[in-house]
Amino acid sequence: MKISYDPEIDALYIRLLEGKQECRSIRLSDEVALNIGPGEKLVGIEILDARSVLGSDKMPSIELEGLKSASSPLLVRDKPTKKYGA
């Protein structure tokens, strides 16, 4: 799973399946669309005007890649990324 947010256009995308997938989109509203791939699998969720839809306090400033499972709750804070070793 990969979550990415583009603050310039206020769009959030949650990719559930890796790799290129040929998809069709199902619009749930003007802001939310589901991307459906082969075998009717949900590939991703696109949220436009994300701060308004989700609330500005819920917008992550990080990207999560390769998260398979977690035994503890995951806390995401809206803080600048620290650069280590710089």
N, C-alpha and C. Protein backbone atom coordinates (compact mmCIF):
# COMPACT_ATOMS: atom_id res chain seq x y z
N MET A 1 0.85 -1.17 0.00
CA MET A 1 0.00 0.00 0.00
C MET A 1 0.90 1.23 0.00
N LYS A 2 0.50 2.23 -0.76
CA LYS A 2 1.24 3.48 -0.83
C LYS A 2 0.24 4.63 -0.76
N ILE A 3 0.51 5.57 0.13
CA ILE A 3 -0.35 6.74 0.27
C ILE A 3 0.47 7.95 -0.16
N SER A 4 -0.05 8.72 -1.10
CA SER A 4 0.67 9.93 -1.50
C SER A 4 -0.29 11.11 -1.53
N TYR A 5 0.27 12.27 -1.20
CA TYR A 5 -0.53 13.49 -1.15
C TYR A 5 0.23 14.59 -1.89
N ASP A 6 -0.47 15.29 -2.76
CA ASP A 6 0.10 16.42 -3.49
C ASP A 6 -0.56 17.69 -2.96
N PRO A 7 0.16 18.46 -2.12
CA PRO A 7 -0.45 19.65 -1.53
C PRO A 7 -0.75 20.76 -2.54
N GLU A 8 -0.03 20.77 -3.67
CA GLU A 8 -0.27 21.81 -4.67
C GLU A 8 -1.66 21.71 -5.30
N ILE A 9 -2.14 20.48 -5.48
CA ILE A 9 -3.48 20.31 -6.05
C ILE A 9 -4.46 19.71 -5.05
N ASP A 10 -3.99 19.52 -3.79
CA ASP A 10 -4.82 19.00 -2.70
C ASP A 10 -5.48 17.67 -3.08
N ALA A 11 -4.64 16.73 -3.56
CA ALA A 11 -5.14 15.41 -3.98
C ALA A 11 -4.42 14.31 -3.20
N LEU A 12 -5.18 13.36 -2.71
CA LEU A 12 -4.66 12.21 -1.98
C LEU A 12 -4.92 10.97 -2.81
N TYR A 13 -3.92 10.09 -2.91
CA TYR A 13 -4.13 8.83 -3.63
C TYR A 13 -3.65 7.68 -2.76
N ILE A 14 -4.49 6.69 -2.60
CA ILE A 14 -4.15 5.48 -1.85
C ILE A 14 -4.06 4.35 -2.86
N ARG A 15 -2.84 3.88 -3.10
CA ARG A 15 -2.61 2.78 -4.05
C ARG A 15 -2.59 1.48 -3.25
N LEU A 16 -3.47 0.56 -3.59
CA LEU A 16 -3.59 -0.70 -2.87
C LEU A 16 -2.84 -1.83 -3.55
N LEU A 17 -2.67 -1.76 -4.87
CA LEU A 17 -1.95 -2.79 -5.62
C LEU A 17 -0.76 -2.15 -6.32
N GLU A 18 0.38 -2.83 -6.29
CA GLU A 18 1.58 -2.31 -6.94
C GLU A 18 1.59 -2.63 -8.42
N GLY A 19 2.44 -1.90 -9.15
CA GLY A 19 2.59 -2.13 -10.57
C GLY A 19 1.55 -1.39 -11.39
N LYS A 20 1.82 -1.33 -12.69
CA LYS A 20 0.87 -0.67 -13.59
C LYS A 20 -0.34 -1.56 -13.79
N GLN A 21 -1.49 -0.96 -13.66
CA GLN A 21 -2.75 -1.67 -13.84
C GLN A 21 -3.61 -0.86 -14.80
N GLU A 22 -4.24 -1.52 -15.73
CA GLU A 22 -5.23 -0.84 -16.56
C GLU A 22 -6.50 -0.78 -15.74
N CYS A 23 -6.98 0.43 -15.52
CA CYS A 23 -8.11 0.63 -14.60
C CYS A 23 -9.26 1.37 -15.27
N ARG A 24 -10.40 1.19 -14.66
CA ARG A 24 -11.55 2.02 -14.96
C ARG A 24 -11.90 2.74 -13.66
N SER A 25 -12.44 3.92 -13.77
CA SER A 25 -12.77 4.72 -12.59
C SER A 25 -14.27 4.71 -12.34
N ILE A 26 -14.60 4.62 -11.07
CA ILE A 26 -15.98 4.75 -10.63
C ILE A 26 -16.03 5.97 -9.73
N ARG A 27 -16.77 6.98 -10.15
CA ARG A 27 -16.91 8.21 -9.36
C ARG A 27 -17.97 8.01 -8.29
N LEU A 28 -17.56 8.19 -7.04
CA LEU A 28 -18.53 8.14 -5.94
C LEU A 28 -19.10 9.52 -5.67
N SER A 29 -18.31 10.54 -6.00
CA SER A 29 -18.74 11.94 -5.86
C SER A 29 -17.82 12.77 -6.74
N ASP A 30 -17.97 14.08 -6.71
CA ASP A 30 -17.06 14.94 -7.47
C ASP A 30 -15.63 14.82 -6.95
N GLU A 31 -15.47 14.47 -5.68
CA GLU A 31 -14.15 14.43 -5.06
C GLU A 31 -13.54 13.03 -4.97
N VAL A 32 -14.34 11.99 -4.96
CA VAL A 32 -13.83 10.63 -4.68
C VAL A 32 -14.07 9.70 -5.87
N ALA A 33 -12.99 8.99 -6.24
CA ALA A 33 -13.09 8.00 -7.33
C ALA A 33 -12.36 6.72 -6.92
N LEU A 34 -12.92 5.59 -7.31
CA LEU A 34 -12.28 4.29 -7.10
C LEU A 34 -11.69 3.85 -8.43
N ASN A 35 -10.48 3.34 -8.41
CA ASN A 35 -9.86 2.78 -9.60
C ASN A 35 -9.95 1.26 -9.50
N ILE A 36 -10.64 0.66 -10.45
CA ILE A 36 -10.89 -0.78 -10.46
C ILE A 36 -10.05 -1.40 -11.57
N GLY A 37 -9.30 -2.45 -11.21
CA GLY A 37 -8.42 -3.11 -12.17
C GLY A 37 -8.97 -4.45 -12.62
N PRO A 38 -8.09 -5.24 -13.27
CA PRO A 38 -8.50 -6.57 -13.75
C PRO A 38 -9.05 -7.42 -12.61
N GLY A 39 -10.05 -8.21 -12.93
CA GLY A 39 -10.66 -9.07 -11.92
C GLY A 39 -11.50 -8.30 -10.92
N GLU A 40 -11.86 -7.06 -11.28
CA GLU A 40 -12.68 -6.20 -10.41
C GLU A 40 -12.01 -5.93 -9.07
N LYS A 41 -10.67 -5.90 -9.05
CA LYS A 41 -9.93 -5.60 -7.81
C LYS A 41 -9.79 -4.10 -7.65
N LEU A 42 -9.93 -3.64 -6.42
CA LEU A 42 -9.74 -2.22 -6.12
C LEU A 42 -8.25 -1.92 -6.13
N VAL A 43 -7.82 -1.08 -7.07
CA VAL A 43 -6.41 -0.74 -7.24
C VAL A 43 -6.06 0.50 -6.41
N GLY A 44 -6.94 1.48 -6.39
CA GLY A 44 -6.64 2.71 -5.66
C GLY A 44 -7.86 3.57 -5.43
N ILE A 45 -7.66 4.55 -4.55
CA ILE A 45 -8.71 5.50 -4.21
C ILE A 45 -8.14 6.90 -4.38
N GLU A 46 -8.81 7.72 -5.17
CA GLU A 46 -8.37 9.10 -5.39
C GLU A 46 -9.33 10.03 -4.69
N ILE A 47 -8.77 10.97 -3.92
CA ILE A 47 -9.59 11.95 -3.22
C ILE A 47 -9.11 13.35 -3.60
N LEU A 48 -9.96 14.08 -4.32
CA LEU A 48 -9.66 15.46 -4.69
C LEU A 48 -10.23 16.39 -3.62
N ASP A 49 -9.65 17.58 -3.50
CA ASP A 49 -10.06 18.52 -2.46
C ASP A 49 -9.99 17.82 -1.10
N ALA A 50 -8.87 17.11 -0.90
CA ALA A 50 -8.70 16.20 0.23
C ALA A 50 -8.83 16.86 1.59
N ARG A 51 -8.29 18.05 1.75
CA ARG A 51 -8.37 18.72 3.06
C ARG A 51 -9.82 18.99 3.45
N SER A 52 -10.63 19.31 2.48
CA SER A 52 -12.04 19.56 2.75
C SER A 52 -12.78 18.25 3.03
N VAL A 53 -12.50 17.22 2.23
CA VAL A 53 -13.19 15.94 2.36
C VAL A 53 -12.81 15.23 3.66
N LEU A 54 -11.50 15.18 3.97
CA LEU A 54 -11.02 14.42 5.12
C LEU A 54 -10.82 15.26 6.37
N GLY A 55 -10.72 16.56 6.22
CA GLY A 55 -10.38 17.43 7.33
C GLY A 55 -8.89 17.69 7.32
N SER A 56 -8.49 18.93 7.49
CA SER A 56 -7.08 19.30 7.34
C SER A 56 -6.18 18.62 8.36
N ASP A 57 -6.71 18.19 9.50
CA ASP A 57 -5.87 17.54 10.51
C ASP A 57 -5.57 16.08 10.18
N LYS A 58 -6.13 15.55 9.10
CA LYS A 58 -5.92 14.15 8.75
C LYS A 58 -4.97 13.96 7.57
N MET A 59 -4.33 15.02 7.08
CA MET A 59 -3.49 14.93 5.90
C MET A 59 -2.06 14.56 6.28
N PRO A 60 -1.58 13.40 5.84
CA PRO A 60 -0.21 13.01 6.15
C PRO A 60 0.79 13.79 5.31
N SER A 61 1.96 14.05 5.89
CA SER A 61 3.02 14.70 5.13
C SER A 61 4.12 13.70 4.81
N ILE A 62 3.81 12.41 4.92
CA ILE A 62 4.77 11.37 4.62
C ILE A 62 4.17 10.40 3.62
N GLU A 63 5.02 9.56 3.07
CA GLU A 63 4.58 8.53 2.14
C GLU A 63 4.92 7.18 2.76
N LEU A 64 3.96 6.30 2.83
CA LEU A 64 4.17 4.97 3.38
C LEU A 64 4.31 3.99 2.24
N GLU A 65 5.41 3.24 2.24
CA GLU A 65 5.61 2.24 1.19
C GLU A 65 5.95 0.91 1.85
N GLY A 66 5.42 -0.15 1.32
CA GLY A 66 5.77 -1.49 1.77
C GLY A 66 5.22 -1.86 3.14
N LEU A 67 4.19 -1.19 3.60
CA LEU A 67 3.60 -1.52 4.88
C LEU A 67 2.75 -2.77 4.72
N LYS A 68 3.21 -3.87 5.30
CA LYS A 68 2.50 -5.14 5.18
C LYS A 68 1.51 -5.32 6.34
N SER A 69 2.01 -5.10 7.55
CA SER A 69 1.15 -5.22 8.72
C SER A 69 1.80 -4.45 9.87
N ALA A 70 1.01 -4.16 10.85
CA ALA A 70 1.52 -3.45 12.02
C ALA A 70 0.88 -4.05 13.26
N SER A 71 1.70 -4.30 14.28
CA SER A 71 1.15 -4.84 15.51
C SER A 71 0.78 -3.72 16.48
N SER A 72 1.26 -2.52 16.21
CA SER A 72 0.94 -1.36 17.03
C SER A 72 0.20 -0.34 16.17
N PRO A 73 -0.56 0.53 16.80
CA PRO A 73 -1.22 1.58 16.02
C PRO A 73 -0.18 2.46 15.33
N LEU A 74 -0.50 2.94 14.17
CA LEU A 74 0.39 3.80 13.40
C LEU A 74 -0.05 5.24 13.59
N LEU A 75 0.87 6.08 14.03
CA LEU A 75 0.57 7.48 14.27
C LEU A 75 1.24 8.31 13.19
N VAL A 76 0.47 9.11 12.48
CA VAL A 76 1.01 9.98 11.44
C VAL A 76 0.80 11.41 11.90
N ARG A 77 1.90 12.16 11.98
CA ARG A 77 1.83 13.55 12.41
C ARG A 77 2.14 14.46 11.24
N ASP A 78 1.51 15.59 11.21
CA ASP A 78 1.72 16.57 10.15
C ASP A 78 2.86 17.50 10.55
N LYS A 79 4.10 16.99 10.43
CA LYS A 79 5.29 17.76 10.76
C LYS A 79 6.27 17.65 9.61
N PRO A 80 7.17 18.61 9.48
CA PRO A 80 8.18 18.51 8.43
C PRO A 80 9.05 17.27 8.61
N THR A 81 9.48 16.70 7.51
CA THR A 81 10.35 15.53 7.54
C THR A 81 11.73 15.94 8.00
N LYS A 82 12.32 15.18 8.94
CA LYS A 82 13.68 15.44 9.40
C LYS A 82 14.65 14.82 8.43
N LYS A 83 15.73 15.51 8.16
CA LYS A 83 16.77 14.98 7.29
C LYS A 83 17.92 14.54 8.18
N TYR A 84 18.18 13.24 8.20
CA TYR A 84 19.26 12.70 9.00
C TYR A 84 20.54 12.64 8.18
N GLY A 85 21.67 12.93 8.81
CA GLY A 85 22.96 12.84 8.14
C GLY A 85 23.22 13.98 7.19
N ALA A 86 22.39 15.00 7.23
CA ALA A 86 22.59 16.13 6.30
C ALA A 86 23.43 17.21 6.94
